[in-house]
Amino acid sequence: MTAILSTLGIKDAIYGREVDAEMTDKKWKEMDDKALSTIQLCLSDATLQEVLSETTTMGLWNKLEETYMKNV
């Protein structure tokens, strides 16, 4: 997933706003929305239902890690 986000130039969204404080609010929102929807499109229906309430890329990413990276 990070490879896809990186290719699109939006990987920083998984780390939250503090990564690029120089970016305008509008540009940040556009990047975050693009990254959020890109991840959502890659999830199975069941997984998407578990995380659909997350409204930011960082929130979604953290929820996925919390849910699925426990056993790694």
PDB file of N, CA and C in Angstrom:
ATOM      1  N   MET A   1       0.825  -1.195   0.000  1.00  0.00           N
ATOM      2  CA  MET A   1       0.000   0.000   0.000  1.00  0.00           C
ATOM      3  C   MET A   1       0.866   1.254   0.000  1.00  0.00           C
ATOM      4  N   THR A   2       1.931   1.216   0.792  1.00  0.00           N
ATOM      5  CA  THR A   2       2.802   2.392   0.807  1.00  0.00           C
ATOM      6  C   THR A   2       3.452   2.628  -0.554  1.00  0.00           C
ATOM      7  N   ALA A   3       3.700   1.557  -1.305  1.00  0.00           N
ATOM      8  CA  ALA A   3       4.279   1.720  -2.645  1.00  0.00           C
ATOM      9  C   ALA A   3       3.295   2.436  -3.565  1.00  0.00           C
ATOM     10  N   ILE A   4       2.026   2.097  -3.478  1.00  0.00           N
ATOM     11  CA  ILE A   4       1.017   2.765  -4.297  1.00  0.00           C
ATOM     12  C   ILE A   4       0.923   4.236  -3.917  1.00  0.00           C
ATOM     13  N   LEU A   5       0.837   4.512  -2.622  1.00  0.00           N
ATOM     14  CA  LEU A   5       0.741   5.904  -2.160  1.00  0.00           C
ATOM     15  C   LEU A   5       1.989   6.694  -2.549  1.00  0.00           C
ATOM     16  N   SER A   6       3.129   6.060  -2.456  1.00  0.00           N
ATOM     17  CA  SER A   6       4.383   6.722  -2.825  1.00  0.00           C
ATOM     18  C   SER A   6       4.416   7.054  -4.312  1.00  0.00           C
ATOM     19  N   THR A   7       3.976   6.120  -5.132  1.00  0.00           N
ATOM     20  CA  THR A   7       3.922   6.346  -6.578  1.00  0.00           C
ATOM     21  C   THR A   7       3.029   7.533  -6.919  1.00  0.00           C
ATOM     22  N   LEU A   8       1.943   7.681  -6.166  1.00  0.00           N
ATOM     23  CA  LEU A   8       1.014   8.786  -6.397  1.00  0.00           C
ATOM     24  C   LEU A   8       1.481  10.094  -5.745  1.00  0.00           C
ATOM     25  N   GLY A   9       2.570  10.030  -4.968  1.00  0.00           N
ATOM     26  CA  GLY A   9       3.101  11.221  -4.313  1.00  0.00           C
ATOM     27  C   GLY A   9       2.300  11.667  -3.102  1.00  0.00           C
ATOM     28  N   ILE A  10       1.602  10.724  -2.464  1.00  0.00           N
ATOM     29  CA  ILE A  10       0.722  11.080  -1.348  1.00  0.00           C
ATOM     30  C   ILE A  10       1.001  10.255  -0.088  1.00  0.00           C
ATOM     31  N   LYS A  11       2.138   9.594  -0.033  1.00  0.00           N
ATOM     32  CA  LYS A  11       2.460   8.724   1.102  1.00  0.00           C
ATOM     33  C   LYS A  11       2.548   9.478   2.427  1.00  0.00           C
ATOM     34  N   ASP A  12       2.950  10.733   2.402  1.00  0.00           N
ATOM     35  CA  ASP A  12       3.086  11.499   3.651  1.00  0.00           C
ATOM     36  C   ASP A  12       1.770  11.601   4.420  1.00  0.00           C
ATOM     37  N   ALA A  13       0.650  11.397   3.751  1.00  0.00           N
ATOM     38  CA  ALA A  13      -0.645  11.503   4.417  1.00  0.00           C
ATOM     39  C   ALA A  13      -0.804  10.479   5.539  1.00  0.00           C
ATOM     40  N   ILE A  14      -0.126   9.338   5.461  1.00  0.00           N
ATOM     41  CA  ILE A  14      -0.268   8.334   6.512  1.00  0.00           C
ATOM     42  C   ILE A  14       0.407   8.771   7.805  1.00  0.00           C
ATOM     43  N   TYR A  15       1.276   9.762   7.728  1.00  0.00           N
ATOM     44  CA  TYR A  15       1.990  10.239   8.913  1.00  0.00           C
ATOM     45  C   TYR A  15       1.344  11.452   9.555  1.00  0.00           C
ATOM     46  N   GLY A  16       0.345  12.024   8.930  1.00  0.00           N
ATOM     47  CA  GLY A  16      -0.353  13.168   9.493  1.00  0.00           C
ATOM     48  C   GLY A  16       0.205  14.497   9.041  1.00  0.00           C
ATOM     49  N   ARG A  17      -0.478  15.525   9.413  1.00  0.00           N
ATOM     50  CA  ARG A  17      -0.195  16.884   8.940  1.00  0.00           C
ATOM     51  C   ARG A  17       1.181  17.413   9.321  1.00  0.00           C
ATOM     52  N   GLU A  18       1.708  17.019  10.466  1.00  0.00           N
ATOM     53  CA  GLU A  18       2.977  17.595  10.914  1.00  0.00           C
ATOM     54  C   GLU A  18       4.148  17.312   9.976  1.00  0.00           C
ATOM     55  N   VAL A  19       4.003  16.335   9.087  1.00  0.00           N
ATOM     56  CA  VAL A  19       5.083  16.017   8.152  1.00  0.00           C
ATOM     57  C   VAL A  19       5.344  17.180   7.207  1.00  0.00           C
ATOM     58  N   ASP A  20       4.306  17.820   6.747  1.00  0.00           N
ATOM     59  CA  ASP A  20       4.470  18.924   5.797  1.00  0.00           C
ATOM     60  C   ASP A  20       3.663  20.127   6.266  1.00  0.00           C
ATOM     61  N   ALA A  21       4.164  20.806   7.250  1.00  0.00           N
ATOM     62  CA  ALA A  21       3.476  21.970   7.799  1.00  0.00           C
ATOM     63  C   ALA A  21       3.452  23.134   6.818  1.00  0.00           C
ATOM     64  N   GLU A  22       4.294  23.094   5.800  1.00  0.00           N
ATOM     65  CA  GLU A  22       4.376  24.162   4.811  1.00  0.00           C
ATOM     66  C   GLU A  22       3.222  24.122   3.801  1.00  0.00           C
ATOM     67  N   MET A  23       2.605  22.961   3.640  1.00  0.00           N
ATOM     68  CA  MET A  23       1.543  22.795   2.664  1.00  0.00           C
ATOM     69  C   MET A  23       0.287  23.548   3.104  1.00  0.00           C
ATOM     70  N   THR A  24      -0.397  24.158   2.163  1.00  0.00           N
ATOM     71  CA  THR A  24      -1.629  24.872   2.497  1.00  0.00           C
ATOM     72  C   THR A  24      -2.688  23.880   2.965  1.00  0.00           C
ATOM     73  N   ASP A  25      -3.656  24.367   3.728  1.00  0.00           N
ATOM     74  CA  ASP A  25      -4.729  23.512   4.229  1.00  0.00           C
ATOM     75  C   ASP A  25      -5.482  22.849   3.082  1.00  0.00           C
ATOM     76  N   LYS A  26      -5.732  23.600   2.028  1.00  0.00           N
ATOM     77  CA  LYS A  26      -6.467  23.067   0.887  1.00  0.00           C
ATOM     78  C   LYS A  26      -5.697  21.942   0.212  1.00  0.00           C
ATOM     79  N   LYS A  27      -4.408  22.150  -0.025  1.00  0.00           N
ATOM     80  CA  LYS A  27      -3.573  21.129  -0.664  1.00  0.00           C
ATOM     81  C   LYS A  27      -3.468  19.892   0.227  1.00  0.00           C
ATOM     82  N   TRP A  28      -3.317  20.118   1.541  1.00  0.00           N
ATOM     83  CA  TRP A  28      -3.230  18.988   2.464  1.00  0.00           C
ATOM     84  C   TRP A  28      -4.531  18.172   2.422  1.00  0.00           C
ATOM     85  N   LYS A  29      -5.674  18.837   2.453  1.00  0.00           N
ATOM     86  CA  LYS A  29      -6.968  18.155   2.428  1.00  0.00           C
ATOM     87  C   LYS A  29      -7.118  17.354   1.142  1.00  0.00           C
ATOM     88  N   GLU A  30      -6.705  17.921   0.033  1.00  0.00           N
ATOM     89  CA  GLU A  30      -6.768  17.209  -1.246  1.00  0.00           C
ATOM     90  C   GLU A  30      -5.905  15.950  -1.211  1.00  0.00           C
ATOM     91  N   MET A  31      -4.680  16.076  -0.687  1.00  0.00           N
ATOM     92  CA  MET A  31      -3.782  14.929  -0.603  1.00  0.00           C
ATOM     93  C   MET A  31      -4.346  13.874   0.348  1.00  0.00           C
ATOM     94  N   ASP A  32      -4.846  14.314   1.492  1.00  0.00           N
ATOM     95  CA  ASP A  32      -5.385  13.384   2.475  1.00  0.00           C
ATOM     96  C   ASP A  32      -6.598  12.651   1.915  1.00  0.00           C
ATOM     97  N   ASP A  33      -7.484  13.363   1.257  1.00  0.00           N
ATOM     98  CA  ASP A  33      -8.665  12.731   0.645  1.00  0.00           C
ATOM     99  C   ASP A  33      -8.265  11.710  -0.424  1.00  0.00           C
ATOM    100  N   LYS A  34      -7.276  12.055  -1.224  1.00  0.00           N
ATOM    101  CA  LYS A  34      -6.812  11.157  -2.279  1.00  0.00           C
ATOM    102  C   LYS A  34      -6.196   9.890  -1.683  1.00  0.00           C
ATOM    103  N   ALA A  35      -5.381  10.055  -0.658  1.00  0.00           N
ATOM    104  CA  ALA A  35      -4.752   8.903  -0.007  1.00  0.00           C
ATOM    105  C   ALA A  35      -5.796   8.042   0.700  1.00  0.00           C
ATOM    106  N   LEU A  36      -6.731   8.675   1.391  1.00  0.00           N
ATOM    107  CA  LEU A  36      -7.786   7.953   2.099  1.00  0.00           C
ATOM    108  C   LEU A  36      -8.604   7.105   1.130  1.00  0.00           C
ATOM    109  N   SER A  37      -9.030   7.703   0.043  1.00  0.00           N
ATOM    110  CA  SER A  37      -9.851   6.960  -0.914  1.00  0.00           C
ATOM    111  C   SER A  37      -9.045   5.875  -1.629  1.00  0.00           C
ATOM    112  N   THR A  38      -7.764   6.110  -1.870  1.00  0.00           N
ATOM    113  CA  THR A  38      -6.920   5.098  -2.503  1.00  0.00           C
ATOM    114  C   THR A  38      -6.823   3.862  -1.615  1.00  0.00           C
ATOM    115  N   ILE A  39      -6.606   4.071  -0.337  1.00  0.00           N
ATOM    116  CA  ILE A  39      -6.532   2.936   0.594  1.00  0.00           C
ATOM    117  C   ILE A  39      -7.886   2.234   0.670  1.00  0.00           C
ATOM    118  N   GLN A  40      -8.954   3.011   0.807  1.00  0.00           N
ATOM    119  CA  GLN A  40     -10.292   2.417   0.908  1.00  0.00           C
ATOM    120  C   GLN A  40     -10.608   1.544  -0.300  1.00  0.00           C
ATOM    121  N   LEU A  41     -10.207   1.970  -1.483  1.00  0.00           N
ATOM    122  CA  LEU A  41     -10.476   1.197  -2.697  1.00  0.00           C
ATOM    123  C   LEU A  41      -9.722  -0.132  -2.736  1.00  0.00           C
ATOM    124  N   CYS A  42      -8.673  -0.248  -1.946  1.00  0.00           N
ATOM    125  CA  CYS A  42      -7.877  -1.479  -1.918  1.00  0.00           C
ATOM    126  C   CYS A  42      -8.332  -2.461  -0.839  1.00  0.00           C
ATOM    127  N   LEU A  43      -9.285  -2.072  -0.023  1.00  0.00           N
ATOM    128  CA  LEU A  43      -9.737  -2.921   1.078  1.00  0.00           C
ATOM    129  C   LEU A  43     -10.894  -3.818   0.651  1.00  0.00           C
ATOM    130  N   SER A  44     -10.972  -4.966   1.290  1.00  0.00           N
ATOM    131  CA  SER A  44     -12.133  -5.834   1.066  1.00  0.00           C
ATOM    132  C   SER A  44     -13.354  -5.165   1.687  1.00  0.00           C
ATOM    133  N   ASP A  45     -14.530  -5.595   1.281  1.00  0.00           N
ATOM    134  CA  ASP A  45     -15.759  -5.019   1.823  1.00  0.00           C
ATOM    135  C   ASP A  45     -15.827  -5.167   3.342  1.00  0.00           C
ATOM    136  N   ALA A  46     -15.448  -6.332   3.853  1.00  0.00           N
ATOM    137  CA  ALA A  46     -15.506  -6.583   5.300  1.00  0.00           C
ATOM    138  C   ALA A  46     -14.550  -5.660   6.057  1.00  0.00           C
ATOM    139  N   THR A  47     -13.344  -5.508   5.550  1.00  0.00           N
ATOM    140  CA  THR A  47     -12.363  -4.636   6.195  1.00  0.00           C
ATOM    141  C   THR A  47     -12.806  -3.185   6.106  1.00  0.00           C
ATOM    142  N   LEU A  48     -13.314  -2.783   4.963  1.00  0.00           N
ATOM    143  CA  LEU A  48     -13.788  -1.414   4.790  1.00  0.00           C
ATOM    144  C   LEU A  48     -14.878  -1.080   5.810  1.00  0.00           C
ATOM    145  N   GLN A  49     -15.774  -2.012   6.055  1.00  0.00           N
ATOM    146  CA  GLN A  49     -16.849  -1.782   7.032  1.00  0.00           C
ATOM    147  C   GLN A  49     -16.290  -1.529   8.430  1.00  0.00           C
ATOM    148  N   GLU A  50     -15.163  -2.158   8.753  1.00  0.00           N
ATOM    149  CA  GLU A  50     -14.541  -2.003  10.066  1.00  0.00           C
ATOM    150  C   GLU A  50     -13.909  -0.624  10.252  1.00  0.00           C
ATOM    151  N   VAL A  51     -13.503   0.019   9.180  1.00  0.00           N
ATOM    152  CA  VAL A  51     -12.743   1.267   9.282  1.00  0.00           C
ATOM    153  C   VAL A  51     -13.419   2.451   8.604  1.00  0.00           C
ATOM    154  N   LEU A  52     -14.644   2.274   8.155  1.00  0.00           N
ATOM    155  CA  LEU A  52     -15.330   3.312   7.382  1.00  0.00           C
ATOM    156  C   LEU A  52     -15.538   4.604   8.164  1.00  0.00           C
ATOM    157  N   SER A  53     -15.531   4.541   9.484  1.00  0.00           N
ATOM    158  CA  SER A  53     -15.744   5.740  10.290  1.00  0.00           C
ATOM    159  C   SER A  53     -14.507   6.646  10.340  1.00  0.00           C
ATOM    160  N   GLU A  54     -13.360   6.147   9.918  1.00  0.00           N
ATOM    161  CA  GLU A  54     -12.139   6.954   9.919  1.00  0.00           C
ATOM    162  C   GLU A  54     -12.206   7.980   8.792  1.00  0.00           C
ATOM    163  N   THR A  55     -11.911   9.232   9.118  1.00  0.00           N
ATOM    164  CA  THR A  55     -12.062  10.310   8.134  1.00  0.00           C
ATOM    165  C   THR A  55     -10.738  10.896   7.650  1.00  0.00           C
ATOM    166  N   THR A  56      -9.631  10.426   8.219  1.00  0.00           N
ATOM    167  CA  THR A  56      -8.320  10.880   7.765  1.00  0.00           C
ATOM    168  C   THR A  56      -7.464   9.679   7.409  1.00  0.00           C
ATOM    169  N   THR A  57      -6.493   9.896   6.559  1.00  0.00           N
ATOM    170  CA  THR A  57      -5.595   8.814   6.168  1.00  0.00           C
ATOM    171  C   THR A  57      -4.838   8.281   7.369  1.00  0.00           C
ATOM    172  N   MET A  58      -4.330   9.177   8.197  1.00  0.00           N
ATOM    173  CA  MET A  58      -3.577   8.744   9.372  1.00  0.00           C
ATOM    174  C   MET A  58      -4.460   7.918  10.307  1.00  0.00           C
ATOM    175  N   GLY A  59      -5.693   8.345  10.517  1.00  0.00           N
ATOM    176  CA  GLY A  59      -6.616   7.609  11.372  1.00  0.00           C
ATOM    177  C   GLY A  59      -6.902   6.229  10.807  1.00  0.00           C
ATOM    178  N   LEU A  60      -7.134   6.165   9.507  1.00  0.00           N
ATOM    179  CA  LEU A  60      -7.387   4.887   8.845  1.00  0.00           C
ATOM    180  C   LEU A  60      -6.169   3.984   8.941  1.00  0.00           C
ATOM    181  N   TRP A  61      -5.008   4.524   8.658  1.00  0.00           N
ATOM    182  CA  TRP A  61      -3.773   3.759   8.687  1.00  0.00           C
ATOM    183  C   TRP A  61      -3.524   3.189  10.084  1.00  0.00           C
ATOM    184  N   ASN A  62      -3.699   4.032  11.102  1.00  0.00           N
ATOM    185  CA  ASN A  62      -3.498   3.588  12.479  1.00  0.00           C
ATOM    186  C   ASN A  62      -4.490   2.497  12.865  1.00  0.00           C
ATOM    187  N   LYS A  63      -5.741   2.640  12.452  1.00  0.00           N
ATOM    188  CA  LYS A  63      -6.762   1.628  12.737  1.00  0.00           C
ATOM    189  C   LYS A  63      -6.413   0.307  12.070  1.00  0.00           C
ATOM    190  N   LEU A  64      -5.968   0.355  10.830  1.00  0.00           N
ATOM    191  CA  LEU A  64      -5.577  -0.870  10.136  1.00  0.00           C
ATOM    192  C   LEU A  64      -4.386  -1.539  10.820  1.00  0.00           C
ATOM    193  N   GLU A  65      -3.400  -0.745  11.209  1.00  0.00           N
ATOM    194  CA  GLU A  65      -2.244  -1.303  11.916  1.00  0.00           C
ATOM    195  C   GLU A  65      -2.667  -1.925  13.244  1.00  0.00           C
ATOM    196  N   GLU A  66      -3.504  -1.219  13.982  1.00  0.00           N
ATOM    197  CA  GLU A  66      -3.985  -1.694  15.278  1.00  0.00           C
ATOM    198  C   GLU A  66      -4.757  -3.010  15.133  1.00  0.00           C
ATOM    199  N   THR A  67      -5.524  -3.119  14.086  1.00  0.00           N
ATOM    200  CA  THR A  67      -6.364  -4.286  13.874  1.00  0.00           C
ATOM    201  C   THR A  67      -5.611  -5.467  13.275  1.00  0.00           C
ATOM    202  N   TYR A  68      -4.729  -5.206  12.325  1.00  0.00           N
ATOM    203  CA  TYR A  68      -4.142  -6.301  11.561  1.00  0.00           C
ATOM    204  C   TYR A  68      -2.665  -6.547  11.786  1.00  0.00           C
ATOM    205  N   MET A  69      -1.967  -5.678  12.467  1.00  0.00           N
ATOM    206  CA  MET A  69      -0.539  -5.880  12.668  1.00  0.00           C
ATOM    207  C   MET A  69      -0.218  -6.430  14.059  1.00  0.00           C
ATOM    208  N   LYS A  70      -1.218  -6.851  14.801  1.00  0.00           N
ATOM    209  CA  LYS A  70      -1.017  -7.377  16.149  1.00  0.00           C
ATOM    210  C   LYS A  70      -0.131  -8.611  16.163  1.00  0.00           C
ATOM    211  N   ASN A  71      -0.301  -9.482  15.200  1.00  0.00           N
ATOM    212  CA  ASN A  71       0.383 -10.776  15.202  1.00  0.00           C
ATOM    213  C   ASN A  71       1.703 -10.791  14.449  1.00  0.00           C
ATOM    214  N   VAL A  72       2.151  -9.659  13.990  1.00  0.00           N
ATOM    215  CA  VAL A  72       3.380  -9.620  13.196  1.00  0.00           C
ATOM    216  C   VAL A  72       4.577  -9.416  14.098  1.00  0.00           C
TER     217      VAL A  72
END
